[in-house]
Amino acid sequence: MQKQVMPRILFLGLLFFTLTACSLFRPLLMPENTLLLLSPAEGPKAGLMKQKVTVIQDKQPQSFIALSRFTTLDFRVAVITPTGQTLLKMNYDGNHFQATNLTDMTLPLEEVMSVMQFALWPEKTVHKYYNERLNWQVELTTNYRRLYKGNTLILDVRMSDDNVDIHHKQHHYRVMISPLQS
């Protein structure tokens, strides 16, 4: 039963999706609505985050713990169950995406990381990567972020205090993220 739940939470687009080309050429090689991986050097200031992540798909909530580390060199994420079992690990160094999936599910892990970056990276960086030249449109305020491809809403991210609520409109799932105390 736990194996059935893991894919839904990981699918979280927490959640993040499969190209290995240089990020400079990535927009020319990827499918129309593929989300982008953003440079760690242009991300949040260095630090660690421990968060509760709840993924809801088909009205089925599943909760996990995400441990994220930010540096100017890379962005690392580990997803574990509440009991401590590691489900997956992801790392992006600005050029190469690496993932270890310890579930038996095929998951869009680059997309999961891309969604996290869209929600967390500074406004300037989001605008730099998701630009009109590539047919992206971005709405950013202190309380929400929206990503469109053309006129189609792809991501709707709501933020209040330290909580983040992500709706992936294209893939029909919701991810709620809240901080955990150490």
C-alpha atoms as a PDB file:
ATOM      1  CA  MET A   1       0.000   0.000   0.000  1.00  0.00           C
ATOM      2  CA  GLN A   2       2.832   2.380   0.855  1.00  0.00           C
ATOM      3  CA  LYS A   3       4.344   1.835  -2.603  1.00  0.00           C
ATOM      4  CA  GLN A   4       1.082   2.990  -4.204  1.00  0.00           C
ATOM      5  CA  VAL A   5       1.106   6.190  -2.167  1.00  0.00           C
ATOM      6  CA  MET A   6       4.742   7.071  -2.902  1.00  0.00           C
ATOM      7  CA  PRO A   7       4.208   7.740  -6.611  1.00  0.00           C
ATOM      8  CA  ARG A   8       1.419  10.192  -6.003  1.00  0.00           C
ATOM      9  CA  ILE A   9       3.459  12.273  -3.646  1.00  0.00           C
ATOM     10  CA  LEU A  10       6.578  12.098  -5.666  1.00  0.00           C
ATOM     11  CA  PHE A  11       4.727  12.848  -8.865  1.00  0.00           C
ATOM     12  CA  LEU A  12       4.328  16.245  -7.312  1.00  0.00           C
ATOM     13  CA  GLY A  13       5.899  17.826 -10.145  1.00  0.00           C
ATOM     14  CA  LEU A  14       7.644  18.160  -5.328  1.00  0.00           C
ATOM     15  CA  LEU A  15       8.198  17.917  -6.974  1.00  0.00           C
ATOM     16  CA  PHE A  16      10.219  18.053 -10.400  1.00  0.00           C
ATOM     17  CA  PHE A  17      11.063  16.521 -14.704  1.00  0.00           C
ATOM     18  CA  THR A  18      14.028  14.444 -18.260  1.00  0.00           C
ATOM     19  CA  LEU A  19      16.618  16.224 -20.246  1.00  0.00           C
ATOM     20  CA  THR A  20      20.371  15.983 -19.880  1.00  0.00           C
ATOM     21  CA  ALA A  21      21.338  18.627 -22.401  1.00  0.00           C
ATOM     22  CA  CYS A  22      23.204  21.724 -21.308  1.00  0.00           C
ATOM     23  CA  SER A  23      20.774  24.132 -19.650  1.00  0.00           C
ATOM     24  CA  LEU A  24      21.710  26.783 -22.203  1.00  0.00           C
ATOM     25  CA  PHE A  25      20.226  24.665 -24.994  1.00  0.00           C
ATOM     26  CA  ARG A  26      17.468  23.087 -22.928  1.00  0.00           C
ATOM     27  CA  PRO A  27      14.671  25.376 -24.234  1.00  0.00           C
ATOM     28  CA  LEU A  28      15.392  24.273 -27.811  1.00  0.00           C
ATOM     29  CA  LEU A  29      15.235  20.554 -27.031  1.00  0.00           C
ATOM     30  CA  MET A  30      12.378  20.122 -24.620  1.00  0.00           C
ATOM     31  CA  PRO A  31       8.667  19.537 -25.112  1.00  0.00           C
ATOM     32  CA  GLU A  32       6.414  22.582 -25.202  1.00  0.00           C
ATOM     33  CA  ASN A  33       5.393  22.777 -21.515  1.00  0.00           C
ATOM     34  CA  THR A  34       8.453  21.263 -19.827  1.00  0.00           C
ATOM     35  CA  LEU A  35       9.401  23.237 -16.740  1.00  0.00           C
ATOM     36  CA  LEU A  36      12.927  24.583 -16.423  1.00  0.00           C
ATOM     37  CA  LEU A  37      15.687  23.844 -13.941  1.00  0.00           C
ATOM     38  CA  LEU A  38      17.084  27.099 -12.560  1.00  0.00           C
ATOM     39  CA  SER A  39      20.693  27.813 -11.669  1.00  0.00           C
ATOM     40  CA  PRO A  40      21.598  27.094  -8.027  1.00  0.00           C
ATOM     41  CA  ALA A  41      23.954  30.092  -8.169  1.00  0.00           C
ATOM     42  CA  GLU A  42      20.887  32.311  -8.639  1.00  0.00           C
ATOM     43  CA  GLY A  43      18.753  30.615  -5.986  1.00  0.00           C
ATOM     44  CA  PRO A  44      17.920  31.332  -2.356  1.00  0.00           C
ATOM     45  CA  LYS A  45      20.772  32.041   0.010  1.00  0.00           C
ATOM     46  CA  ALA A  46      22.612  29.006   1.322  1.00  0.00           C
ATOM     47  CA  GLY A  47      20.807  27.016   3.947  1.00  0.00           C
ATOM     48  CA  LEU A  48      18.827  23.954   4.925  1.00  0.00           C
ATOM     49  CA  MET A  49      15.078  23.458   5.018  1.00  0.00           C
ATOM     50  CA  LYS A  50      13.068  20.676   6.605  1.00  0.00           C
ATOM     51  CA  GLN A  51       9.462  20.655   5.447  1.00  0.00           C
ATOM     52  CA  LYS A  52       6.308  18.610   5.581  1.00  0.00           C
ATOM     53  CA  VAL A  53       5.042  17.995   2.057  1.00  0.00           C
ATOM     54  CA  THR A  54       1.502  16.800   1.430  1.00  0.00           C
ATOM     55  CA  VAL A  55       0.583  15.786  -2.089  1.00  0.00           C
ATOM     56  CA  ILE A  56      -3.049  15.502  -3.067  1.00  0.00           C
ATOM     57  CA  GLN A  57      -4.035  13.752  -6.260  1.00  0.00           C
ATOM     58  CA  ASP A  58      -7.440  12.205  -6.930  1.00  0.00           C
ATOM     59  CA  LYS A  59      -8.513  13.458  -3.470  1.00  0.00           C
ATOM     60  CA  GLN A  60      -5.901  11.187  -1.855  1.00  0.00           C
ATOM     61  CA  PRO A  61      -3.495  13.056   0.470  1.00  0.00           C
ATOM     62  CA  GLN A  62      -0.038  11.625   1.132  1.00  0.00           C
ATOM     63  CA  SER A  63       2.525  13.241   3.420  1.00  0.00           C
ATOM     64  CA  PHE A  64       6.301  13.184   3.270  1.00  0.00           C
ATOM     65  CA  ILE A  65       9.263  15.059   4.661  1.00  0.00           C
ATOM     66  CA  ALA A  66      11.514  17.011   2.300  1.00  0.00           C
ATOM     67  CA  LEU A  67      15.039  17.940   3.323  1.00  0.00           C
ATOM     68  CA  SER A  68      16.447  20.632   1.024  1.00  0.00           C
ATOM     69  CA  ARG A  69      19.941  22.092   0.920  1.00  0.00           C
ATOM     70  CA  PHE A  70      20.736  25.239  -1.015  1.00  0.00           C
ATOM     71  CA  THR A  71      24.229  26.376  -1.965  1.00  0.00           C
ATOM     72  CA  THR A  72      25.545  28.411  -4.871  1.00  0.00           C
ATOM     73  CA  LEU A  73      27.001  25.153  -6.227  1.00  0.00           C
ATOM     74  CA  ASP A  74      23.960  22.894  -6.072  1.00  0.00           C
ATOM     75  CA  PHE A  75      20.408  22.285  -4.903  1.00  0.00           C
ATOM     76  CA  ARG A  76      19.819  18.963  -3.151  1.00  0.00           C
ATOM     77  CA  VAL A  77      16.561  17.421  -2.019  1.00  0.00           C
ATOM     78  CA  ALA A  78      15.866  14.194  -0.145  1.00  0.00           C
ATOM     79  CA  VAL A  79      12.312  12.969   0.314  1.00  0.00           C
ATOM     80  CA  ILE A  80      11.626  10.608   3.198  1.00  0.00           C
ATOM     81  CA  THR A  81       8.565   9.044   4.780  1.00  0.00           C
ATOM     82  CA  PRO A  82       7.450  10.220   8.234  1.00  0.00           C
ATOM     83  CA  THR A  83       9.103   7.043   9.580  1.00  0.00           C
ATOM     84  CA  GLY A  84      12.466   7.972   8.020  1.00  0.00           C
ATOM     85  CA  GLN A  85      12.575   5.735   4.931  1.00  0.00           C
ATOM     86  CA  THR A  86      14.343   7.494   2.040  1.00  0.00           C
ATOM     87  CA  LEU A  87      12.196   7.574  -1.096  1.00  0.00           C
ATOM     88  CA  LEU A  88      14.290   9.690  -3.403  1.00  0.00           C
ATOM     89  CA  LYS A  89      17.245  12.012  -3.689  1.00  0.00           C
ATOM     90  CA  MET A  90      17.711  14.765  -6.267  1.00  0.00           C
ATOM     91  CA  ASN A  91      20.655  17.021  -7.053  1.00  0.00           C
ATOM     92  CA  TYR A  92      21.098  19.806  -9.602  1.00  0.00           C
ATOM     93  CA  ASP A  93      24.442  21.602  -9.994  1.00  0.00           C
ATOM     94  CA  GLY A  94      23.411  24.020 -12.730  1.00  0.00           C
ATOM     95  CA  ASN A  95      24.481  21.658 -15.522  1.00  0.00           C
ATOM     96  CA  HIS A  96      23.538  18.126 -14.548  1.00  0.00           C
ATOM     97  CA  PHE A  97      20.472  16.718 -12.844  1.00  0.00           C
ATOM     98  CA  GLN A  98      20.945  13.498 -10.876  1.00  0.00           C
ATOM     99  CA  ALA A  99      18.312  11.496  -9.068  1.00  0.00           C
ATOM    100  CA  THR A 100      18.056   8.308  -7.082  1.00  0.00           C
ATOM    101  CA  ASN A 101      14.552   6.898  -6.974  1.00  0.00           C
ATOM    102  CA  LEU A 102      14.210   4.222  -4.313  1.00  0.00           C
ATOM    103  CA  THR A 103      10.588   3.507  -5.167  1.00  0.00           C
ATOM    104  CA  ASP A 104       9.330   1.212  -7.889  1.00  0.00           C
ATOM    105  CA  MET A 105       7.551   4.086  -9.619  1.00  0.00           C
ATOM    106  CA  THR A 106       8.559   6.103 -12.663  1.00  0.00           C
ATOM    107  CA  LEU A 107       8.470   9.703 -11.478  1.00  0.00           C
ATOM    108  CA  PRO A 108       9.086  13.052 -13.209  1.00  0.00           C
ATOM    109  CA  LEU A 109      11.820  14.091 -10.790  1.00  0.00           C
ATOM    110  CA  GLU A 110      13.236  16.952 -12.847  1.00  0.00           C
ATOM    111  CA  GLU A 111       9.761  18.469 -12.906  1.00  0.00           C
ATOM    112  CA  VAL A 112       9.459  18.048  -9.158  1.00  0.00           C
ATOM    113  CA  MET A 113      12.678  20.006  -8.680  1.00  0.00           C
ATOM    114  CA  SER A 114      11.570  22.594 -11.247  1.00  0.00           C
ATOM    115  CA  VAL A 115       8.311  23.183  -9.388  1.00  0.00           C
ATOM    116  CA  MET A 116      10.196  23.648  -6.126  1.00  0.00           C
ATOM    117  CA  GLN A 117      12.556  26.116  -7.766  1.00  0.00           C
ATOM    118  CA  PHE A 118       9.697  28.094  -9.322  1.00  0.00           C
ATOM    119  CA  ALA A 119       8.180  28.477  -5.845  1.00  0.00           C
ATOM    120  CA  LEU A 120      11.433  29.278  -4.011  1.00  0.00           C
ATOM    121  CA  TRP A 121      13.858  31.051  -6.373  1.00  0.00           C
ATOM    122  CA  PRO A 122      14.108  34.869  -6.368  1.00  0.00           C
ATOM    123  CA  GLU A 123      11.755  36.810  -8.627  1.00  0.00           C
ATOM    124  CA  LYS A 124      14.585  38.094 -10.832  1.00  0.00           C
ATOM    125  CA  THR A 125      15.775  34.552 -11.574  1.00  0.00           C
ATOM    126  CA  VAL A 126      12.278  33.257 -12.310  1.00  0.00           C
ATOM    127  CA  HIS A 127      11.744  36.082 -14.827  1.00  0.00           C
ATOM    128  CA  LYS A 128      15.147  35.428 -16.415  1.00  0.00           C
ATOM    129  CA  TYR A 129      14.418  31.768 -17.179  1.00  0.00           C
ATOM    130  CA  TYR A 130      10.660  31.879 -17.769  1.00  0.00           C
ATOM    131  CA  ASN A 131      10.625  34.648 -20.349  1.00  0.00           C
ATOM    132  CA  GLU A 132       8.309  35.734 -23.138  1.00  0.00           C
ATOM    133  CA  ARG A 133      10.823  34.724 -25.802  1.00  0.00           C
ATOM    134  CA  LEU A 134      10.047  31.116 -24.816  1.00  0.00           C
ATOM    135  CA  ASN A 135       6.294  31.890 -24.638  1.00  0.00           C
ATOM    136  CA  TRP A 136       6.213  31.813 -20.815  1.00  0.00           C
ATOM    137  CA  GLN A 137       4.264  34.356 -18.804  1.00  0.00           C
ATOM    138  CA  VAL A 138       4.864  34.865 -15.106  1.00  0.00           C
ATOM    139  CA  GLU A 139       2.834  36.676 -12.445  1.00  0.00           C
ATOM    140  CA  LEU A 140       4.724  37.182  -9.185  1.00  0.00           C
ATOM    141  CA  THR A 141       3.590  38.927  -5.999  1.00  0.00           C
ATOM    142  CA  THR A 142       4.473  38.417  -2.342  1.00  0.00           C
ATOM    143  CA  ASN A 143       1.444  36.099  -1.932  1.00  0.00           C
ATOM    144  CA  TYR A 144       1.331  34.131  -5.167  1.00  0.00           C
ATOM    145  CA  ARG A 145       3.195  33.034  -8.270  1.00  0.00           C
ATOM    146  CA  ARG A 146       1.581  31.925 -11.496  1.00  0.00           C
ATOM    147  CA  LEU A 147       3.218  30.372 -14.520  1.00  0.00           C
ATOM    148  CA  TYR A 148       1.564  30.316 -17.929  1.00  0.00           C
ATOM    149  CA  LYS A 149       2.647  28.800 -21.214  1.00  0.00           C
ATOM    150  CA  GLY A 150       0.965  31.081 -23.706  1.00  0.00           C
ATOM    151  CA  ASN A 151      -2.466  31.635 -22.143  1.00  0.00           C
ATOM    152  CA  THR A 152      -2.571  28.266 -20.358  1.00  0.00           C
ATOM    153  CA  LEU A 153      -2.071  28.309 -16.585  1.00  0.00           C
ATOM    154  CA  ILE A 154       0.488  25.639 -15.647  1.00  0.00           C
ATOM    155  CA  LEU A 155       1.335  26.420 -11.997  1.00  0.00           C
ATOM    156  CA  ASP A 156      -0.538  28.396  -9.351  1.00  0.00           C
ATOM    157  CA  VAL A 157       1.517  28.877  -6.177  1.00  0.00           C
ATOM    158  CA  ARG A 158       0.054  30.532  -3.050  1.00  0.00           C
ATOM    159  CA  MET A 159       2.250  31.626  -0.165  1.00  0.00           C
ATOM    160  CA  SER A 160       1.340  32.716   3.357  1.00  0.00           C
ATOM    161  CA  ASP A 161       3.814  32.976   6.191  1.00  0.00           C
ATOM    162  CA  ASP A 162       6.120  29.987   5.640  1.00  0.00           C
ATOM    163  CA  ASN A 163       3.479  27.812   3.958  1.00  0.00           C
ATOM    164  CA  VAL A 164       3.343  27.134   0.225  1.00  0.00           C
ATOM    165  CA  ASP A 165       0.356  25.709  -1.663  1.00  0.00           C
ATOM    166  CA  ILE A 166       1.122  24.583  -5.231  1.00  0.00           C
ATOM    167  CA  HIS A 167      -1.524  23.631  -7.792  1.00  0.00           C
ATOM    168  CA  HIS A 168      -0.131  21.997 -10.911  1.00  0.00           C
ATOM    169  CA  LYS A 169      -3.004  22.726 -13.277  1.00  0.00           C
ATOM    170  CA  GLN A 170      -1.610  20.730 -16.182  1.00  0.00           C
ATOM    171  CA  HIS A 171      -1.013  17.522 -14.195  1.00  0.00           C
ATOM    172  CA  HIS A 172      -3.945  17.942 -11.784  1.00  0.00           C
ATOM    173  CA  TYR A 173      -2.292  17.656  -8.403  1.00  0.00           C
ATOM    174  CA  ARG A 174      -1.771  19.867  -5.373  1.00  0.00           C
ATOM    175  CA  VAL A 175       1.248  20.097  -3.082  1.00  0.00           C
ATOM    176  CA  MET A 176       1.115  21.756   0.326  1.00  0.00           C
ATOM    177  CA  ILE A 177       4.431  22.574   1.988  1.00  0.00           C
ATOM    178  CA  SER A 178       4.895  23.714   5.570  1.00  0.00           C
ATOM    179  CA  PRO A 179       8.011  24.080   7.727  1.00  0.00           C
ATOM    180  CA  LEU A 180       8.960  21.500  10.338  1.00  0.00           C
ATOM    181  CA  GLN A 181      10.656  22.410  13.560  1.00  0.00           C
ATOM    182  CA  SER A 182      14.111  20.892  14.027  1.00  0.00           C
END
